[in-house]
Protein backbone atom coordinates (compact mmCIF):
# COMPACT_ATOMS: atom_id res chain seq x y z
CA UNK A 1 52.21 45.46 37.63
CA UNK A 2 48.96 46.28 39.46
CA UNK A 3 47.47 47.46 36.17
CA UNK A 4 47.33 43.96 34.73
CA UNK A 5 46.71 42.01 37.93
CA UNK A 6 42.99 41.62 37.01
CA UNK A 7 44.02 39.88 33.79
CA UNK A 8 46.48 37.68 35.64
CA UNK A 9 43.79 36.78 38.13
CA UNK A 10 41.57 35.71 35.25
CA UNK A 11 44.40 33.58 33.90
CA UNK A 12 44.82 31.88 37.28
CA UNK A 13 41.12 31.04 37.40
CA UNK A 14 41.34 29.55 33.92
CA UNK A 15 44.42 27.58 34.88
CA UNK A 16 42.79 25.84 37.85
CA UNK A 17 39.76 24.94 35.75
CA UNK A 18 37.27 26.16 38.38
CA UNK A 19 35.05 27.70 35.68
CA UNK A 20 33.97 26.33 32.35
CA UNK A 21 33.93 29.83 30.83
CA UNK A 22 36.82 30.29 28.36
CA UNK A 23 37.33 33.74 26.81
CA UNK A 24 38.23 34.12 23.16
CA UNK A 25 41.83 35.47 23.00
CA UNK A 26 42.14 35.10 19.24
CA UNK A 27 41.83 38.85 18.66
CA UNK A 28 44.89 39.66 20.82
CA UNK A 29 48.50 39.59 19.54
CA UNK A 30 50.79 36.79 20.70
CA UNK A 31 53.77 37.20 23.00
CA UNK A 32 57.24 36.90 21.46
CA UNK A 33 59.63 34.03 22.28
CA UNK A 34 60.94 35.91 25.33
CA UNK A 35 57.41 36.50 26.65
CA UNK A 36 57.54 40.19 25.79
CA UNK A 37 54.84 42.45 24.35
CA UNK A 38 54.80 45.96 22.86
CA UNK A 39 54.48 48.96 25.18
CA UNK A 40 51.10 49.19 26.88
CA UNK A 41 50.65 45.39 26.67
CA UNK A 42 51.49 42.61 29.13
CA UNK A 43 52.02 38.93 28.24
CA UNK A 44 49.59 36.40 29.74
CA UNK A 45 52.05 33.51 29.79
CA UNK A 46 49.46 30.75 30.26
CA UNK A 47 47.80 31.74 26.98
CA UNK A 48 50.85 33.33 25.25
CA UNK A 49 48.83 36.43 24.32
CA UNK A 50 49.41 40.13 24.95
CA UNK A 51 46.70 41.83 27.00
CA UNK A 52 46.26 45.65 27.13
CA UNK A 53 47.31 47.52 30.27
CA UNK A 54 44.24 49.15 31.79
CA UNK A 55 44.49 52.92 31.83
CA UNK A 56 47.32 53.35 29.35
CA UNK A 57 45.28 52.22 26.29
CA UNK A 58 41.87 53.36 27.45
CA UNK A 59 39.27 51.47 29.46
CA UNK A 60 39.85 47.76 29.86
CA UNK A 61 37.77 45.85 27.26
CA UNK A 62 34.81 43.88 28.54
CA UNK A 63 35.12 40.25 27.40
CA UNK A 64 32.00 38.89 25.76
CA UNK A 65 31.27 35.21 26.11
CA UNK A 66 31.47 33.38 22.81
CA UNK A 67 28.90 30.77 21.76
CA UNK A 68 31.12 27.74 22.23
CA UNK A 69 30.25 24.08 22.29
CA UNK A 70 30.52 23.89 26.11
CA UNK A 71 27.58 26.24 26.43
CA UNK A 72 29.49 29.31 27.82
CA UNK A 73 28.19 31.44 30.67
CA UNK A 74 26.62 34.87 30.97
CA UNK A 75 25.88 37.22 33.83
CA UNK A 76 22.56 35.50 34.48
CA UNK A 77 23.96 31.95 34.45
CA UNK A 78 24.85 30.06 37.61
CA UNK A 79 26.27 26.78 36.37
CA UNK A 80 27.57 27.11 32.81
CA UNK A 81 24.14 27.43 31.16
CA UNK A 82 23.36 29.00 27.79
CA UNK A 83 23.21 32.70 26.88
CA UNK A 84 19.96 33.10 28.76
CA UNK A 85 17.57 32.56 25.79
CA UNK A 86 14.53 30.51 26.91
CA UNK A 87 14.43 26.88 25.61
CA UNK A 88 11.99 26.66 22.68
CA UNK A 89 11.16 23.04 23.58
CA UNK A 90 10.67 20.10 21.19
CA UNK A 91 9.46 20.64 17.63
CA UNK A 92 5.76 20.41 16.81
CA UNK A 93 4.46 16.85 16.51
CA UNK A 94 3.45 16.05 12.92
CA UNK A 95 2.12 12.83 11.39
CA UNK A 96 3.61 11.78 8.07
CA UNK A 97 1.40 12.86 5.20
CA UNK A 98 2.29 9.96 2.90
CA UNK A 99 -0.78 8.02 1.78
CA UNK A 100 -0.90 4.29 2.54
CA UNK A 101 -0.52 2.07 -0.50
CA UNK A 102 -3.28 0.13 -2.23
CA UNK A 103 -4.35 -3.27 -0.99
CA UNK A 104 -6.11 -6.32 -2.43
CA UNK A 105 -9.00 -7.99 -0.65
CA UNK A 106 -8.18 -11.24 1.23
CA UNK A 107 -4.46 -10.53 0.70
CA UNK A 108 -2.20 -9.63 3.66
CA UNK A 109 -1.75 -5.86 3.94
CA UNK A 110 0.67 -3.82 6.10
CA UNK A 111 1.45 -0.12 6.40
CA UNK A 112 3.41 1.74 9.10
CA UNK A 113 2.36 5.30 9.95
CA UNK A 114 5.19 7.73 10.81
CA UNK A 115 5.53 10.85 12.95
CA UNK A 116 8.19 13.52 13.52
CA UNK A 117 8.87 16.22 16.09
CA UNK A 118 7.63 16.09 19.63
CA UNK A 119 9.18 13.66 22.11
CA UNK A 120 9.42 10.03 20.87
CA UNK A 121 8.27 7.33 21.21
CA UNK A 122 4.87 7.97 19.69
CA UNK A 123 1.55 6.21 20.28
CA UNK A 124 -1.00 5.94 17.46
CA UNK A 125 -4.74 5.30 17.54
CA UNK A 126 -7.75 5.25 15.22
CA UNK A 127 -9.80 8.43 15.68
CA UNK A 128 -12.69 8.65 13.21
CA UNK A 129 -13.86 7.32 9.86
CA UNK A 130 -13.85 3.74 8.58
CA UNK A 131 -10.95 1.32 8.44
CA UNK A 132 -11.12 -1.35 5.73
CA UNK A 133 -12.92 -4.36 7.26
CA UNK A 134 -10.31 -6.91 8.34
CA UNK A 135 -7.60 -4.30 9.08
CA UNK A 136 -6.62 -2.98 12.52
CA UNK A 137 -4.26 -0.26 13.79
CA UNK A 138 -1.94 -0.93 16.76
CA UNK A 139 -0.34 1.64 19.09
CA UNK A 140 2.96 1.46 17.18
CA UNK A 141 1.25 2.76 14.03
CA UNK A 142 1.07 -0.58 12.19
CA UNK A 143 -2.03 -1.01 10.02
CA UNK A 144 -2.33 -4.68 9.10
CA UNK A 145 -4.61 -7.60 8.33
CA UNK A 146 -6.44 -9.14 5.39
CA UNK A 147 -9.03 -6.79 3.85
CA UNK A 148 -12.43 -8.41 3.65
CA UNK A 149 -14.02 -5.97 1.23
CA UNK A 150 -12.98 -3.83 -1.71
CA UNK A 151 -13.52 -0.07 -1.89
CA UNK A 152 -12.17 3.32 -0.80
CA UNK A 153 -11.91 3.92 2.94
CA UNK A 154 -11.19 7.26 4.69
CA UNK A 155 -10.20 7.56 8.33
CA UNK A 156 -8.28 9.75 10.76
CA UNK A 157 -5.24 8.61 12.75
CA UNK A 158 -4.16 10.38 15.94
CA UNK A 159 -0.62 10.40 17.34
CA UNK A 160 0.57 11.44 20.80
CA UNK A 161 4.15 11.90 22.03
CA UNK A 162 5.78 11.49 25.46
CA UNK A 163 6.25 15.19 26.24
CA UNK A 164 5.11 16.94 29.40
CA UNK A 165 2.49 17.98 28.56
CA UNK A 166 2.05 15.55 25.60
CA UNK A 167 1.48 16.84 22.09
CA UNK A 168 -1.36 15.49 19.94
CA UNK A 169 -1.56 15.44 16.13
CA UNK A 170 -4.06 13.95 13.71
CA UNK A 171 -4.15 13.34 9.97
CA UNK A 172 -6.78 11.99 7.57
CA UNK A 173 -5.76 9.11 5.30
CA UNK A 174 -7.42 7.00 2.62
CA UNK A 175 -6.82 3.40 1.57
CA UNK A 176 -8.00 1.83 -1.68
CA UNK A 177 -8.66 -1.91 -1.53
CA UNK A 178 -8.79 -3.46 -4.98
CA UNK A 179 -11.17 -6.40 -5.67
CA UNK A 180 -9.37 -9.73 -5.82
CA UNK A 181 -8.85 -10.86 -9.42
CA UNK A 182 -10.31 -14.28 -10.28
CA UNK A 183 -10.35 -16.19 -13.54
CA UNK A 184 -14.07 -16.93 -13.47
CA UNK A 185 -13.97 -19.67 -16.08
CA UNK A 186 -15.95 -21.68 -16.82
CA UNK A 187 -13.64 -24.35 -15.44
CA UNK A 188 -14.94 -26.78 -18.04
CA UNK A 189 -15.63 -25.07 -21.34
CA UNK A 190 -18.65 -25.91 -23.48
CA UNK A 191 -18.11 -29.12 -25.40
CA UNK A 192 -17.07 -28.77 -29.03
CA UNK A 193 -18.24 -30.92 -31.94
CA UNK A 194 -15.57 -32.17 -34.32
CA UNK A 195 -15.67 -30.33 -37.63
CA UNK A 196 -18.12 -27.65 -36.42
CA UNK A 197 -17.45 -24.00 -35.74
CA UNK A 198 -16.85 -23.35 -32.04
CA UNK A 199 -17.10 -20.23 -29.87
CA UNK A 200 -16.79 -19.94 -26.10
CA UNK A 201 -15.92 -17.06 -23.76
CA UNK A 202 -13.73 -16.98 -20.68
CA UNK A 203 -14.39 -14.27 -18.12
CA UNK A 204 -12.80 -12.75 -15.02
CA UNK A 205 -14.06 -10.95 -11.93
CA UNK A 206 -12.49 -8.38 -9.62
CA UNK A 207 -9.25 -6.61 -10.42
CA UNK A 208 -9.40 -3.75 -12.87
CA UNK A 209 -10.79 -4.35 -16.39
CA UNK A 210 -9.97 -4.76 -19.17
CA UNK A 211 -8.43 -8.20 -18.76
CA UNK A 212 -5.89 -10.02 -20.90
CA UNK A 213 -5.94 -13.81 -21.24
CA UNK A 214 -3.10 -16.08 -22.34
CA UNK A 215 -2.36 -19.77 -22.53
CA UNK A 216 0.60 -20.55 -20.24
CA UNK A 217 0.80 -24.36 -20.35
CA UNK A 218 -0.83 -27.26 -22.14
CA UNK A 219 -2.64 -26.86 -25.43
CA UNK A 220 -6.04 -26.50 -27.04
CA UNK A 221 -7.35 -28.90 -29.69
CA UNK A 222 -5.78 -28.27 -33.08
CA UNK A 223 -7.68 -25.50 -34.90
CA UNK A 224 -9.03 -23.83 -31.74
CA UNK A 225 -7.29 -20.78 -30.26
CA UNK A 226 -7.54 -18.49 -27.23
CA UNK A 227 -7.81 -14.74 -27.94
CA UNK A 228 -6.44 -11.98 -25.68
CA UNK A 229 -9.97 -10.94 -24.70
CA UNK A 230 -10.85 -14.45 -23.50
CA UNK A 231 -12.71 -15.68 -26.58
CA UNK A 232 -11.99 -19.29 -27.54
CA UNK A 233 -12.89 -20.06 -31.15
CA UNK A 234 -12.07 -22.09 -34.24
CA UNK A 235 -12.89 -25.44 -35.80
CA UNK A 236 -11.23 -28.70 -34.87
CA UNK A 237 -11.47 -32.12 -36.42
CA UNK A 238 -9.82 -33.60 -33.35
CA UNK A 239 -12.54 -35.64 -31.72
CA UNK A 240 -10.72 -36.83 -28.63
CA UNK A 241 -10.37 -35.35 -25.16
CA UNK A 242 -7.38 -33.05 -24.66
CA UNK A 243 -5.41 -32.77 -21.42
CA UNK A 244 -6.20 -29.84 -19.11
CA UNK A 245 -4.45 -26.55 -19.88
CA UNK A 246 -3.55 -23.48 -17.84
CA UNK A 247 -4.76 -19.97 -18.67
CA UNK A 248 -3.54 -16.79 -17.00
CA UNK A 249 -5.55 -13.59 -16.77
CA UNK A 250 -3.94 -10.21 -16.04
CA UNK A 251 -5.84 -7.04 -15.17
CA UNK A 252 -5.04 -3.39 -15.96
CA UNK A 253 -4.13 -2.18 -12.49
CA UNK A 254 -0.75 -0.72 -11.46
CA UNK A 255 0.81 -2.97 -10.34
CA UNK A 256 -1.31 -5.56 -12.17
CA UNK A 257 -2.87 -8.60 -10.61
CA UNK A 258 -2.51 -11.94 -12.38
CA UNK A 259 -4.00 -15.35 -11.65
CA UNK A 260 -3.83 -18.73 -13.37
CA UNK A 261 -6.51 -21.43 -13.53
CA UNK A 262 -6.55 -24.94 -14.98
CA UNK A 263 -9.32 -25.46 -17.55
CA UNK A 264 -10.73 -28.34 -19.60
CA UNK A 265 -12.14 -28.57 -23.13
CA UNK A 266 -13.71 -31.79 -24.34
CA UNK A 267 -15.24 -33.02 -27.61
CA UNK A 268 -18.78 -34.37 -27.77
CA UNK A 269 -20.82 -36.14 -30.44
CA UNK A 270 -24.48 -35.15 -30.56
CA UNK A 271 -26.75 -37.61 -32.45
CA UNK A 272 -28.91 -36.16 -35.21
CA UNK A 273 -32.39 -34.95 -34.18
CA UNK A 274 -31.35 -35.06 -30.54
CA UNK A 275 -31.22 -32.11 -28.15
CA UNK A 276 -27.69 -31.96 -26.73
CA UNK A 277 -26.75 -29.39 -24.07
CA UNK A 278 -23.09 -28.61 -24.64
CA UNK A 279 -22.57 -26.21 -21.71
CA UNK A 280 -21.19 -28.21 -18.81
CA UNK A 281 -20.24 -25.50 -16.29
CA UNK A 282 -20.78 -21.82 -15.54
CA UNK A 283 -18.27 -19.05 -14.82
CA UNK A 284 -18.21 -17.60 -11.32
CA UNK A 285 -19.93 -14.34 -10.48
CA UNK A 286 -19.17 -11.46 -8.13
CA UNK A 287 -21.56 -9.34 -6.09
CA UNK A 288 -21.99 -5.96 -7.76
CA UNK A 289 -20.29 -6.96 -11.04
CA UNK A 290 -22.27 -7.57 -14.24
CA UNK A 291 -22.57 -11.23 -15.22
CA UNK A 292 -23.44 -12.73 -18.62
CA UNK A 293 -23.03 -16.23 -20.03
CA UNK A 294 -24.55 -17.87 -23.10
CA UNK A 295 -25.72 -21.47 -22.68
CA UNK A 296 -24.95 -23.68 -25.67
CA UNK A 297 -27.11 -26.44 -27.11
CA UNK A 298 -27.49 -28.43 -30.33
CA UNK A 299 -29.68 -27.59 -32.15
CA UNK A 300 -29.31 -23.91 -31.36
CA UNK A 301 -33.06 -23.41 -31.92
CA UNK A 302 -33.90 -25.28 -28.72
CA UNK A 303 -35.72 -23.34 -26.01
CA UNK A 304 -34.59 -23.10 -22.41
CA UNK A 305 -36.40 -23.26 -19.11
CA UNK A 306 -35.51 -23.46 -15.42
CA UNK A 307 -36.79 -22.78 -11.92
CA UNK A 308 -35.98 -19.06 -11.57
CA UNK A 309 -36.22 -19.25 -7.76
CA UNK A 310 -33.01 -21.27 -7.74
CA UNK A 311 -30.99 -18.57 -9.47
CA UNK A 312 -28.76 -16.14 -7.54
CA UNK A 313 -30.63 -12.90 -6.66
CA UNK A 314 -30.10 -10.45 -9.52
CA UNK A 315 -29.65 -13.12 -12.24
CA UNK A 316 -32.27 -14.02 -14.83
CA UNK A 317 -32.51 -16.28 -17.91
CA UNK A 318 -33.42 -14.57 -21.20
CA UNK A 319 -33.44 -16.98 -24.13
CA UNK A 320 -30.17 -18.84 -23.71
CA UNK A 321 -28.39 -16.06 -21.79
CA UNK A 322 -27.98 -15.97 -18.03
CA UNK A 323 -27.32 -12.34 -17.09
CA UNK A 324 -27.66 -9.65 -14.46
CA UNK A 325 -25.75 -8.34 -11.45
CA UNK A 326 -25.58 -10.71 -8.46
CA UNK A 327 -26.52 -9.16 -5.12
CA UNK A 328 -25.72 -11.99 -2.70
CA UNK A 329 -22.81 -14.36 -2.29
CA UNK A 330 -23.37 -18.09 -2.26
CA UNK A 331 -23.31 -21.31 -4.25
CA UNK A 332 -26.45 -21.74 -6.35
CA UNK A 333 -27.41 -25.02 -7.99
CA UNK A 334 -30.23 -25.32 -10.51
CA UNK A 335 -31.35 -27.50 -13.41
CA UNK A 336 -31.83 -26.19 -16.95
CA UNK A 337 -33.93 -27.87 -19.60
CA UNK A 338 -33.52 -27.49 -23.37
CA UNK A 339 -36.29 -28.72 -25.70
CA UNK A 340 -36.91 -28.64 -29.46
CA UNK A 341 -39.78 -29.68 -31.71
CA UNK A 342 -39.64 -33.26 -32.96
CA UNK A 343 -36.74 -33.96 -30.61
CA UNK A 344 -36.34 -35.19 -27.09
CA UNK A 345 -35.35 -32.67 -24.44
CA UNK A 346 -32.13 -32.54 -22.47
CA UNK A 347 -31.43 -31.47 -18.89
CA UNK A 348 -28.31 -30.45 -17.01
CA UNK A 349 -27.65 -29.39 -13.43
CA UNK A 350 -25.35 -26.39 -13.22
CA UNK A 351 -23.72 -24.50 -10.35
CA UNK A 352 -23.13 -20.76 -10.18
CA UNK A 353 -20.79 -19.56 -7.42
CA UNK A 354 -21.04 -15.89 -6.45
CA UNK A 355 -18.21 -14.26 -4.45
């Protein structure tokens, strides 16, 4: 009996639940229904397993603690700790490498930066570089606002966790802000003369060229059509004013921008031997984007003049063509004069808006 008392004592300790350590008895045979075991073995009734008698079957086996869900206990543990391996601590703090999506100037933009590892929650801050003007980054990692300028912007974001000591991580990101697409017009197309060939050009600014134009509501005078590239041409015998119509322009970006504008086309009758300026409005311009628009007059041989100081910086008049690349935003108003030999001259005040 004394040979298996140590095993019985272990069973008693397990029975009272004073220790969370629980040996693995699965490798021992089970007792029979009468609680008996083969020679050299003694039944541990509480576990219904046969344990070897020390001395008769060699040295008593030393029980090794198994890696169980309750943590187990080893010789160096005092209160049911782990196997004694030092805690590796939280994982390394890493900022998500995903690039923020594209934005469009003056259009609400939001992006949430992410982090992993470390000890949440995380705090984010702008470190270096240049954020798109109009956007700001809060401590929760939210980049938001309405971009005020187009372009490519690179900057570094830093994240810090709540560990002791805290971990720091940083990552460089870039954001592309696309120029806002506008249907530049003109809002009122050059007048057409009934029965005469007609050509006018619609234009767009911003977005990503090339652009595609389409009529979405209303109609043009019979015989005049709108082409995909924005050219309006044809010949119409309809000499009355037509209702306004809506044109949509779509750019080539992914995803594309699209914008619709209401336009007007009106007939005019120019008396013979009279100078008649048929251009009634100008398309809009954009800083840094090439601008060109042909002024129209009857007769086409008329010469043009204006006060160049009133033009937007970067724009000049050559013949009947206003062209150049605007360098400053603003609304510019100026008067053009068309004159021809043996005919009276004609004047018109025009406005060119530069965004």
